Amino acid sequence: MARLLYAVMLALPLGACSPYYTFVPKPLTYDMEEVKRPAAPMPDSIAIASNELPSIIASSDVSNVAVGPPRTGKYGWGFCLTATIGTNSGPAKTVLWVTVYNPGIYGRRPAESGDQCAFDRYTAITPRRPS
């Protein structure tokens, strides 16, 4: 009798490990349903750079701004942005990779060779001045 009770006590935890025969609720098992997010729509890089330039480049002396076409990157949609920024040591030309996380939420970093910004066809824009 003790052996039977010992065998049942050993079999219950082992049986609970199976996702098919378990008394554990479904959210606590590894057998979860996969929820796929819809693909993000392609952003309008010209509109983003024109309207949101002060949030992308925190400088008041920005000129010669041009943007490349949007394309998918490691973290979603992004585009290359070139600008001449006035600094204390004079104007400096910079190339940035702007990642669009959500509408209104952007990340920027200096462009790398893997971003292939050198091969883009840029469109010159005039930034919208805050009113």
N, C-alpha and C. Protein backbone atom coordinates (compact mmCIF):
# COMPACT_ATOMS: atom_id res chain seq x y z
N MET A 1 0.81 -1.19 0.00
CA MET A 1 0.00 0.00 0.00
C MET A 1 0.87 1.27 0.00
N ALA A 2 1.94 1.25 0.77
CA ALA A 2 2.83 2.41 0.83
C ALA A 2 3.52 2.61 -0.51
N ARG A 3 3.85 1.49 -1.18
CA ARG A 3 4.47 1.61 -2.51
C ARG A 3 3.51 2.23 -3.51
N LEU A 4 2.25 1.87 -3.45
CA LEU A 4 1.26 2.42 -4.37
C LEU A 4 1.10 3.93 -4.12
N LEU A 5 1.02 4.32 -2.87
CA LEU A 5 0.91 5.73 -2.53
C LEU A 5 2.16 6.50 -2.98
N TYR A 6 3.33 5.90 -2.81
CA TYR A 6 4.58 6.52 -3.25
C TYR A 6 4.60 6.66 -4.77
N ALA A 7 4.13 5.65 -5.49
CA ALA A 7 4.10 5.70 -6.96
C ALA A 7 3.13 6.76 -7.45
N VAL A 8 1.98 6.88 -6.81
CA VAL A 8 1.00 7.90 -7.21
C VAL A 8 1.55 9.30 -6.94
N MET A 9 2.20 9.49 -5.82
CA MET A 9 2.76 10.80 -5.49
C MET A 9 3.89 11.18 -6.45
N LEU A 10 4.61 10.19 -6.94
CA LEU A 10 5.67 10.44 -7.91
C LEU A 10 5.08 10.71 -9.30
N ALA A 11 4.00 10.03 -9.65
CA ALA A 11 3.41 10.16 -10.98
C ALA A 11 2.66 11.48 -11.15
N LEU A 12 2.07 12.02 -10.10
CA LEU A 12 1.32 13.26 -10.22
C LEU A 12 2.18 14.44 -10.66
N PRO A 13 3.33 14.72 -10.04
CA PRO A 13 4.15 15.83 -10.54
C PRO A 13 4.70 15.59 -11.94
N LEU A 14 5.04 14.35 -12.25
CA LEU A 14 5.54 14.07 -13.60
C LEU A 14 4.45 14.25 -14.63
N GLY A 15 3.24 13.86 -14.29
CA GLY A 15 2.12 14.06 -15.22
C GLY A 15 1.77 15.52 -15.38
N ALA A 16 2.01 16.31 -14.36
CA ALA A 16 1.71 17.74 -14.44
C ALA A 16 2.69 18.48 -15.33
N CYS A 17 3.85 17.90 -15.61
CA CYS A 17 4.84 18.55 -16.47
C CYS A 17 4.45 18.49 -17.94
N SER A 18 3.59 17.58 -18.29
CA SER A 18 3.17 17.44 -19.68
C SER A 18 2.16 18.53 -20.02
N PRO A 19 2.32 19.22 -21.16
CA PRO A 19 1.34 20.25 -21.51
C PRO A 19 0.01 19.65 -21.96
N TYR A 20 -0.04 18.36 -22.22
CA TYR A 20 -1.27 17.73 -22.70
C TYR A 20 -2.14 17.19 -21.57
N TYR A 21 -1.54 16.66 -20.54
CA TYR A 21 -2.29 16.07 -19.44
C TYR A 21 -1.89 16.77 -18.15
N THR A 22 -2.46 17.91 -17.92
CA THR A 22 -2.08 18.67 -16.74
C THR A 22 -3.29 19.34 -16.12
N PHE A 23 -3.22 19.57 -14.85
CA PHE A 23 -4.26 20.32 -14.16
C PHE A 23 -3.86 21.78 -13.99
N VAL A 24 -2.67 22.15 -14.48
CA VAL A 24 -2.17 23.51 -14.39
C VAL A 24 -2.90 24.36 -15.45
N PRO A 25 -3.34 25.58 -15.11
CA PRO A 25 -4.01 26.43 -16.10
C PRO A 25 -3.11 26.73 -17.30
N LYS A 26 -3.73 26.91 -18.44
CA LYS A 26 -2.99 27.09 -19.71
C LYS A 26 -1.99 28.25 -19.67
N PRO A 27 -2.29 29.41 -19.07
CA PRO A 27 -1.28 30.48 -19.05
C PRO A 27 -0.01 30.13 -18.27
N LEU A 28 -0.08 29.13 -17.41
CA LEU A 28 1.10 28.75 -16.64
C LEU A 28 1.91 27.65 -17.30
N THR A 29 1.49 27.18 -18.45
CA THR A 29 2.24 26.14 -19.18
C THR A 29 3.03 26.79 -20.30
N TYR A 30 3.87 26.02 -20.93
CA TYR A 30 4.65 26.52 -22.06
C TYR A 30 3.87 26.52 -23.35
N ASP A 31 2.71 25.91 -23.35
CA ASP A 31 1.90 25.79 -24.56
C ASP A 31 1.01 27.02 -24.68
N MET A 32 1.60 28.16 -25.04
CA MET A 32 0.85 29.41 -25.16
C MET A 32 0.53 29.65 -26.63
N GLU A 33 -0.56 30.36 -26.86
CA GLU A 33 -0.88 30.74 -28.23
C GLU A 33 0.02 31.89 -28.65
N GLU A 34 0.42 31.85 -29.90
CA GLU A 34 1.30 32.89 -30.41
C GLU A 34 0.47 34.01 -30.99
N VAL A 35 0.67 35.22 -30.49
CA VAL A 35 -0.05 36.38 -30.97
C VAL A 35 0.91 37.17 -31.86
N LYS A 36 0.56 37.32 -33.11
CA LYS A 36 1.41 38.07 -34.03
C LYS A 36 0.88 39.48 -34.17
N ARG A 37 1.80 40.43 -34.03
CA ARG A 37 1.43 41.82 -34.24
C ARG A 37 1.35 42.10 -35.74
N PRO A 38 0.45 42.97 -36.14
CA PRO A 38 0.43 43.33 -37.56
C PRO A 38 1.68 44.13 -37.90
N ALA A 39 2.11 44.02 -39.14
CA ALA A 39 3.31 44.74 -39.57
C ALA A 39 3.05 46.24 -39.54
N ALA A 40 4.05 46.98 -39.10
CA ALA A 40 3.92 48.44 -39.02
C ALA A 40 3.90 49.02 -40.43
N PRO A 41 3.05 50.01 -40.68
CA PRO A 41 3.02 50.61 -42.01
C PRO A 41 4.29 51.41 -42.28
N MET A 42 4.61 51.60 -43.55
CA MET A 42 5.80 52.35 -43.92
C MET A 42 5.62 53.82 -43.55
N PRO A 43 6.54 54.41 -42.78
CA PRO A 43 6.39 55.81 -42.38
C PRO A 43 6.75 56.76 -43.52
N ASP A 44 6.27 57.98 -43.42
CA ASP A 44 6.60 59.03 -44.38
C ASP A 44 7.80 59.79 -43.82
N SER A 45 9.00 59.47 -44.31
CA SER A 45 10.22 60.06 -43.76
C SER A 45 10.29 61.56 -43.99
N ILE A 46 9.76 62.05 -45.10
CA ILE A 46 9.80 63.49 -45.38
C ILE A 46 8.91 64.25 -44.39
N ALA A 47 7.72 63.74 -44.12
CA ALA A 47 6.82 64.40 -43.17
C ALA A 47 7.39 64.35 -41.75
N ILE A 48 7.97 63.22 -41.39
CA ILE A 48 8.55 63.09 -40.05
C ILE A 48 9.68 64.08 -39.87
N ALA A 49 10.60 64.14 -40.83
CA ALA A 49 11.75 65.03 -40.70
C ALA A 49 11.32 66.49 -40.76
N SER A 50 10.31 66.81 -41.55
CA SER A 50 9.85 68.20 -41.65
C SER A 50 9.17 68.65 -40.37
N ASN A 51 8.32 67.81 -39.81
CA ASN A 51 7.52 68.22 -38.65
C ASN A 51 8.21 67.97 -37.31
N GLU A 52 9.04 66.95 -37.23
CA GLU A 52 9.62 66.54 -35.95
C GLU A 52 11.12 66.77 -35.85
N LEU A 53 11.68 67.61 -36.70
CA LEU A 53 13.13 67.82 -36.69
C LEU A 53 13.66 68.32 -35.34
N PRO A 54 12.98 69.23 -34.63
CA PRO A 54 13.51 69.65 -33.32
C PRO A 54 13.59 68.51 -32.30
N SER A 55 12.75 67.50 -32.44
CA SER A 55 12.86 66.37 -31.50
C SER A 55 13.90 65.36 -31.94
N ILE A 56 14.31 65.41 -33.20
CA ILE A 56 15.35 64.50 -33.69
C ILE A 56 16.74 65.11 -33.50
N ILE A 57 16.88 66.39 -33.88
CA ILE A 57 18.15 67.09 -33.72
C ILE A 57 17.92 68.26 -32.76
N ALA A 58 18.55 68.21 -31.63
CA ALA A 58 18.35 69.23 -30.60
C ALA A 58 19.33 70.39 -30.81
N SER A 59 19.16 71.09 -31.90
CA SER A 59 19.99 72.26 -32.19
C SER A 59 19.13 73.26 -32.94
N SER A 60 19.34 74.53 -32.66
CA SER A 60 18.54 75.55 -33.34
C SER A 60 19.17 75.97 -34.67
N ASP A 61 20.45 75.64 -34.88
CA ASP A 61 21.14 76.03 -36.11
C ASP A 61 21.33 74.81 -37.01
N VAL A 62 20.25 74.44 -37.71
CA VAL A 62 20.28 73.27 -38.59
C VAL A 62 19.97 73.75 -40.00
N SER A 63 20.76 73.32 -40.97
CA SER A 63 20.52 73.69 -42.37
C SER A 63 20.87 72.50 -43.27
N ASN A 64 20.52 72.65 -44.54
CA ASN A 64 20.80 71.62 -45.56
C ASN A 64 20.31 70.24 -45.12
N VAL A 65 19.07 70.15 -44.72
CA VAL A 65 18.50 68.89 -44.24
C VAL A 65 17.98 68.11 -45.43
N ALA A 66 18.32 66.82 -45.48
CA ALA A 66 17.84 65.93 -46.53
C ALA A 66 17.56 64.56 -45.92
N VAL A 67 16.55 63.88 -46.44
CA VAL A 67 16.18 62.56 -45.92
C VAL A 67 16.17 61.54 -47.05
N GLY A 68 16.47 60.31 -46.66
CA GLY A 68 16.43 59.20 -47.59
C GLY A 68 15.11 58.46 -47.48
N PRO A 69 14.89 57.50 -48.36
CA PRO A 69 13.64 56.74 -48.30
C PRO A 69 13.63 55.81 -47.09
N PRO A 70 12.45 55.53 -46.54
CA PRO A 70 12.38 54.62 -45.39
C PRO A 70 12.62 53.18 -45.81
N ARG A 71 13.23 52.43 -44.92
CA ARG A 71 13.43 50.99 -45.14
C ARG A 71 13.49 50.29 -43.79
N THR A 72 13.29 49.00 -43.81
CA THR A 72 13.27 48.27 -42.55
C THR A 72 14.69 48.03 -42.07
N GLY A 73 14.85 48.14 -40.76
CA GLY A 73 16.14 47.91 -40.13
C GLY A 73 15.99 46.84 -39.06
N LYS A 74 16.94 46.81 -38.17
CA LYS A 74 16.95 45.80 -37.11
C LYS A 74 15.79 45.99 -36.14
N TYR A 75 15.41 47.23 -35.89
CA TYR A 75 14.36 47.52 -34.90
C TYR A 75 13.10 48.10 -35.53
N GLY A 76 12.87 47.85 -36.80
CA GLY A 76 11.67 48.37 -37.46
C GLY A 76 12.06 49.32 -38.58
N TRP A 77 11.15 50.22 -38.90
CA TRP A 77 11.38 51.17 -39.98
C TRP A 77 12.36 52.25 -39.55
N GLY A 78 13.14 52.73 -40.52
CA GLY A 78 14.09 53.79 -40.27
C GLY A 78 14.47 54.48 -41.57
N PHE A 79 15.19 55.58 -41.45
CA PHE A 79 15.66 56.31 -42.64
C PHE A 79 16.92 57.08 -42.29
N CYS A 80 17.66 57.45 -43.31
CA CYS A 80 18.88 58.24 -43.14
C CYS A 80 18.52 59.73 -43.25
N LEU A 81 19.17 60.53 -42.44
CA LEU A 81 18.94 61.97 -42.43
C LEU A 81 20.31 62.65 -42.42
N THR A 82 20.53 63.57 -43.35
CA THR A 82 21.77 64.35 -43.37
C THR A 82 21.43 65.79 -43.06
N ALA A 83 22.32 66.46 -42.35
CA ALA A 83 22.10 67.87 -42.01
C ALA A 83 23.44 68.51 -41.69
N THR A 84 23.47 69.81 -41.84
CA THR A 84 24.60 70.61 -41.40
C THR A 84 24.18 71.29 -40.11
N ILE A 85 24.92 71.00 -39.05
CA ILE A 85 24.57 71.49 -37.72
C ILE A 85 25.62 72.50 -37.28
N GLY A 86 25.16 73.65 -36.82
CA GLY A 86 26.08 74.67 -36.31
C GLY A 86 26.55 74.30 -34.92
N THR A 87 27.87 74.23 -34.75
CA THR A 87 28.46 73.94 -33.44
C THR A 87 29.37 75.09 -33.04
N ASN A 88 29.96 75.00 -31.87
CA ASN A 88 30.89 76.04 -31.41
C ASN A 88 32.13 76.13 -32.29
N SER A 89 32.54 75.02 -32.87
CA SER A 89 33.73 75.01 -33.71
C SER A 89 33.40 75.19 -35.19
N GLY A 90 32.17 75.57 -35.50
CA GLY A 90 31.78 75.79 -36.89
C GLY A 90 30.76 74.76 -37.34
N PRO A 91 30.26 74.92 -38.56
CA PRO A 91 29.25 73.97 -39.05
C PRO A 91 29.85 72.59 -39.29
N ALA A 92 29.07 71.57 -38.95
CA ALA A 92 29.52 70.19 -39.14
C ALA A 92 28.42 69.40 -39.84
N LYS A 93 28.81 68.68 -40.88
CA LYS A 93 27.85 67.84 -41.60
C LYS A 93 27.74 66.51 -40.86
N THR A 94 26.52 66.08 -40.63
CA THR A 94 26.29 64.84 -39.91
C THR A 94 25.28 63.98 -40.65
N VAL A 95 25.44 62.67 -40.51
CA VAL A 95 24.51 61.71 -41.10
C VAL A 95 23.98 60.86 -39.95
N LEU A 96 22.66 60.83 -39.83
CA LEU A 96 22.02 60.10 -38.74
C LEU A 96 21.13 59.00 -39.30
N TRP A 97 21.00 57.92 -38.54
CA TRP A 97 20.01 56.88 -38.82
C TRP A 97 18.89 57.10 -37.81
N VAL A 98 17.69 57.36 -38.30
CA VAL A 98 16.53 57.63 -37.45
C VAL A 98 15.62 56.40 -37.49
N THR A 99 15.37 55.81 -36.33
CA THR A 99 14.49 54.66 -36.22
C THR A 99 13.12 55.14 -35.76
N VAL A 100 12.08 54.70 -36.44
CA VAL A 100 10.70 55.05 -36.09
C VAL A 100 10.14 53.91 -35.27
N TYR A 101 10.03 54.12 -33.95
CA TYR A 101 9.48 53.08 -33.08
C TYR A 101 7.96 53.09 -33.11
N ASN A 102 7.37 54.25 -32.94
CA ASN A 102 5.94 54.49 -33.00
C ASN A 102 5.75 55.90 -33.53
N PRO A 103 4.56 56.26 -33.97
CA PRO A 103 4.36 57.65 -34.38
C PRO A 103 4.67 58.60 -33.22
N GLY A 104 5.61 59.49 -33.43
CA GLY A 104 6.01 60.44 -32.40
C GLY A 104 7.16 59.97 -31.53
N ILE A 105 7.58 58.71 -31.66
CA ILE A 105 8.69 58.18 -30.86
C ILE A 105 9.79 57.74 -31.83
N TYR A 106 10.91 58.44 -31.78
CA TYR A 106 12.00 58.20 -32.71
C TYR A 106 13.31 58.02 -31.95
N GLY A 107 14.17 57.21 -32.50
CA GLY A 107 15.51 57.05 -31.98
C GLY A 107 16.49 57.49 -33.04
N ARG A 108 17.59 58.04 -32.64
CA ARG A 108 18.60 58.46 -33.62
C ARG A 108 19.97 58.06 -33.13
N ARG A 109 20.85 57.83 -34.08
CA ARG A 109 22.25 57.52 -33.79
C ARG A 109 23.05 57.87 -35.02
N PRO A 110 24.36 58.04 -34.88
CA PRO A 110 25.18 58.28 -36.07
C PRO A 110 25.08 57.08 -37.02
N ALA A 111 25.00 57.37 -38.29
CA ALA A 111 24.87 56.31 -39.28
C ALA A 111 26.14 55.48 -39.35
N GLU A 112 25.97 54.21 -39.56
CA GLU A 112 27.09 53.28 -39.70
C GLU A 112 27.15 52.79 -41.14
N SER A 113 28.24 52.14 -41.50
CA SER A 113 28.39 51.67 -42.89
C SER A 113 27.33 50.62 -43.23
N GLY A 114 26.88 49.86 -42.23
CA GLY A 114 25.85 48.84 -42.48
C GLY A 114 24.50 49.44 -42.80
N ASP A 115 24.29 50.70 -42.47
CA ASP A 115 23.02 51.36 -42.79
C ASP A 115 22.91 51.73 -44.26
N GLN A 116 24.03 51.76 -44.95
CA GLN A 116 24.11 52.05 -46.39
C GLN A 116 23.50 53.40 -46.75
N CYS A 117 23.76 54.39 -45.92
CA CYS A 117 23.25 55.74 -46.18
C CYS A 117 23.97 56.39 -47.36
N ALA A 118 25.16 55.91 -47.69
CA ALA A 118 25.92 56.50 -48.80
C ALA A 118 25.25 56.23 -50.14
N PHE A 119 24.38 55.24 -50.21
CA PHE A 119 23.75 54.85 -51.47
C PHE A 119 22.34 55.39 -51.63
N ASP A 120 21.83 56.13 -50.63
CA ASP A 120 20.47 56.64 -50.69
C ASP A 120 20.34 57.81 -51.66
N ARG A 121 19.13 57.97 -52.19
CA ARG A 121 18.78 59.17 -52.95
C ARG A 121 18.03 60.08 -51.98
N TYR A 122 18.65 61.19 -51.67
CA TYR A 122 18.11 62.09 -50.65
C TYR A 122 17.17 63.12 -51.25
N THR A 123 16.19 63.50 -50.45
CA THR A 123 15.25 64.56 -50.80
C THR A 123 15.46 65.71 -49.83
N ALA A 124 15.77 66.89 -50.37
CA ALA A 124 15.99 68.06 -49.52
C ALA A 124 14.66 68.54 -48.97
N ILE A 125 14.66 68.94 -47.70
CA ILE A 125 13.43 69.41 -47.06
C ILE A 125 13.70 70.73 -46.37
N THR A 126 12.66 71.47 -46.10
CA THR A 126 12.74 72.67 -45.27
C THR A 126 12.01 72.37 -43.99
N PRO A 127 12.71 72.38 -42.87
CA PRO A 127 12.06 72.05 -41.60
C PRO A 127 10.99 73.08 -41.23
N ARG A 128 9.94 72.60 -40.63
CA ARG A 128 8.87 73.48 -40.17
C ARG A 128 9.35 74.18 -38.91
N ARG A 129 9.18 75.47 -38.86
CA ARG A 129 9.60 76.26 -37.72
C ARG A 129 8.50 76.22 -36.66
N PRO A 130 8.89 75.99 -35.40
CA PRO A 130 7.86 75.98 -34.36
C PRO A 130 7.24 77.37 -34.20
N SER A 131 5.94 77.39 -34.01
CA SER A 131 5.26 78.68 -33.90
C SER A 131 4.95 79.05 -32.48
